[in-house]
Amino acid sequence: MCAKPACRRNTMNERDVMIPVESNCATMWTLSADRRSVRLALPPLRLAGMPEPLTIYMDFDAEAVDAMLERLSILRS
């Protein structure tokens, strides 16, 4: 999948450019068997000059994700 052209969004920093990507929320987040950690699988990122897309996984402590979600809830209220 090729990323669509960059588009400006109302972001925290006007210099930020967001590139829309397709993602599957059902597979984006994975909870470990022991329920202590969470893996965020980012969609493959195509970069100029790289033959294969870059695959990024970020592992978080489940409590850290809970704290992020709580903070997001506060910010959005």
C-alpha atoms as a PDB file:
ATOM      1  CA  MET A   1       0.000   0.000   0.000  1.00  0.00           C
ATOM      2  CA  CYS A   2       1.387   3.389  -0.932  1.00  0.00           C
ATOM      3  CA  ALA A   3       0.684   6.281   1.382  1.00  0.00           C
ATOM      4  CA  LYS A   4      -1.572   8.976  -0.006  1.00  0.00           C
ATOM      5  CA  PRO A   5      -0.044  12.433  -0.529  1.00  0.00           C
ATOM      6  CA  ALA A   6       0.643  14.341   2.659  1.00  0.00           C
ATOM      7  CA  CYS A   7      -2.105  16.628   3.827  1.00  0.00           C
ATOM      8  CA  ARG A   8      -2.169  19.352   6.439  1.00  0.00           C
ATOM      9  CA  ARG A   9      -4.256  18.761   9.520  1.00  0.00           C
ATOM     10  CA  ASN A  10      -5.011  20.801  12.607  1.00  0.00           C
ATOM     11  CA  THR A  11      -2.240  19.346  14.753  1.00  0.00           C
ATOM     12  CA  MET A  12      -0.405  20.429  17.843  1.00  0.00           C
ATOM     13  CA  ASN A  13       2.384  21.815  15.708  1.00  0.00           C
ATOM     14  CA  GLU A  14       1.508  23.562  12.448  1.00  0.00           C
ATOM     15  CA  ARG A  15       4.687  22.141  10.891  1.00  0.00           C
ATOM     16  CA  ASP A  16       3.415  18.589  11.411  1.00  0.00           C
ATOM     17  CA  VAL A  17       2.279  16.765   8.307  1.00  0.00           C
ATOM     18  CA  MET A  18       0.054  13.741   8.677  1.00  0.00           C
ATOM     19  CA  ILE A  19       0.086  10.995   6.087  1.00  0.00           C
ATOM     20  CA  PRO A  20      -3.080   8.887   6.131  1.00  0.00           C
ATOM     21  CA  VAL A  21      -2.442   5.143   6.232  1.00  0.00           C
ATOM     22  CA  GLU A  22      -4.714   2.140   6.211  1.00  0.00           C
ATOM     23  CA  SER A  23      -4.818   0.177   9.452  1.00  0.00           C
ATOM     24  CA  ASN A  24      -6.780  -2.655  11.000  1.00  0.00           C
ATOM     25  CA  CYS A  25      -7.707  -1.829  14.593  1.00  0.00           C
ATOM     26  CA  ALA A  26      -8.327  -5.503  15.345  1.00  0.00           C
ATOM     27  CA  THR A  27      -4.700  -6.393  14.634  1.00  0.00           C
ATOM     28  CA  MET A  28      -3.017  -3.080  15.434  1.00  0.00           C
ATOM     29  CA  TRP A  29      -3.024  -3.783  19.190  1.00  0.00           C
ATOM     30  CA  THR A  30      -2.127  -7.204  20.619  1.00  0.00           C
ATOM     31  CA  LEU A  31      -2.309  -8.135  24.301  1.00  0.00           C
ATOM     32  CA  SER A  32       0.312 -10.597  25.520  1.00  0.00           C
ATOM     33  CA  ALA A  33      -0.718 -13.986  26.923  1.00  0.00           C
ATOM     34  CA  ASP A  34       0.101 -12.865  30.469  1.00  0.00           C
ATOM     35  CA  ARG A  35      -1.862  -9.610  29.899  1.00  0.00           C
ATOM     36  CA  ARG A  36       1.058  -7.516  31.153  1.00  0.00           C
ATOM     37  CA  SER A  37       2.222  -5.999  27.876  1.00  0.00           C
ATOM     38  CA  VAL A  38       0.673  -4.632  24.725  1.00  0.00           C
ATOM     39  CA  ARG A  39       2.190  -4.547  21.224  1.00  0.00           C
ATOM     40  CA  LEU A  40       1.352  -1.756  18.801  1.00  0.00           C
ATOM     41  CA  ALA A  41       1.970  -2.862  15.210  1.00  0.00           C
ATOM     42  CA  LEU A  42       2.223   0.189  12.984  1.00  0.00           C
ATOM     43  CA  PRO A  43       1.234  -0.143   9.328  1.00  0.00           C
ATOM     44  CA  PRO A  44       4.220  -0.793   7.032  1.00  0.00           C
ATOM     45  CA  LEU A  45       5.926   2.491   6.161  1.00  0.00           C
ATOM     46  CA  ARG A  46       7.278   2.921   2.649  1.00  0.00           C
ATOM     47  CA  LEU A  47      10.349   5.135   2.465  1.00  0.00           C
ATOM     48  CA  ALA A  48      12.065   6.381  -0.659  1.00  0.00           C
ATOM     49  CA  GLY A  49      15.224   4.417  -1.372  1.00  0.00           C
ATOM     50  CA  MET A  50      14.207   1.403   0.705  1.00  0.00           C
ATOM     51  CA  PRO A  51      13.261  -1.710  -1.266  1.00  0.00           C
ATOM     52  CA  GLU A  52      10.965  -3.053   1.473  1.00  0.00           C
ATOM     53  CA  PRO A  53       8.558  -1.159   3.742  1.00  0.00           C
ATOM     54  CA  LEU A  54       9.729  -0.496   7.290  1.00  0.00           C
ATOM     55  CA  THR A  55       7.872  -2.577   9.887  1.00  0.00           C
ATOM     56  CA  ILE A  56       7.660  -1.103  13.385  1.00  0.00           C
ATOM     57  CA  TYR A  57       6.425  -2.786  16.562  1.00  0.00           C
ATOM     58  CA  MET A  58       6.228  -0.918  19.854  1.00  0.00           C
ATOM     59  CA  ASP A  59       5.856  -2.880  23.088  1.00  0.00           C
ATOM     60  CA  PHE A  60       4.293  -1.145  26.092  1.00  0.00           C
ATOM     61  CA  ASP A  61       3.584  -2.132  29.654  1.00  0.00           C
ATOM     62  CA  ALA A  62      -0.227  -2.602  29.835  1.00  0.00           C
ATOM     63  CA  GLU A  63      -0.424  -0.155  32.741  1.00  0.00           C
ATOM     64  CA  ALA A  64       1.264   2.502  30.590  1.00  0.00           C
ATOM     65  CA  VAL A  65      -1.383   2.016  27.892  1.00  0.00           C
ATOM     66  CA  ASP A  66      -4.117   2.267  30.537  1.00  0.00           C
ATOM     67  CA  ALA A  67      -2.579   5.561  31.690  1.00  0.00           C
ATOM     68  CA  MET A  68      -2.394   6.860  28.087  1.00  0.00           C
ATOM     69  CA  LEU A  69      -6.052   6.036  27.503  1.00  0.00           C
ATOM     70  CA  GLU A  70      -7.072   7.670  30.768  1.00  0.00           C
ATOM     71  CA  ARG A  71      -5.115  10.813  29.853  1.00  0.00           C
ATOM     72  CA  LEU A  72      -6.698  10.868  26.386  1.00  0.00           C
ATOM     73  CA  SER A  73     -10.129  10.596  27.966  1.00  0.00           C
ATOM     74  CA  ILE A  74      -9.352  13.585  30.195  1.00  0.00           C
ATOM     75  CA  LEU A  75      -7.991  15.634  27.311  1.00  0.00           C
ATOM     76  CA  ARG A  76     -11.030  14.940  25.125  1.00  0.00           C
ATOM     77  CA  SER A  77     -13.615  15.783  27.815  1.00  0.00           C
END
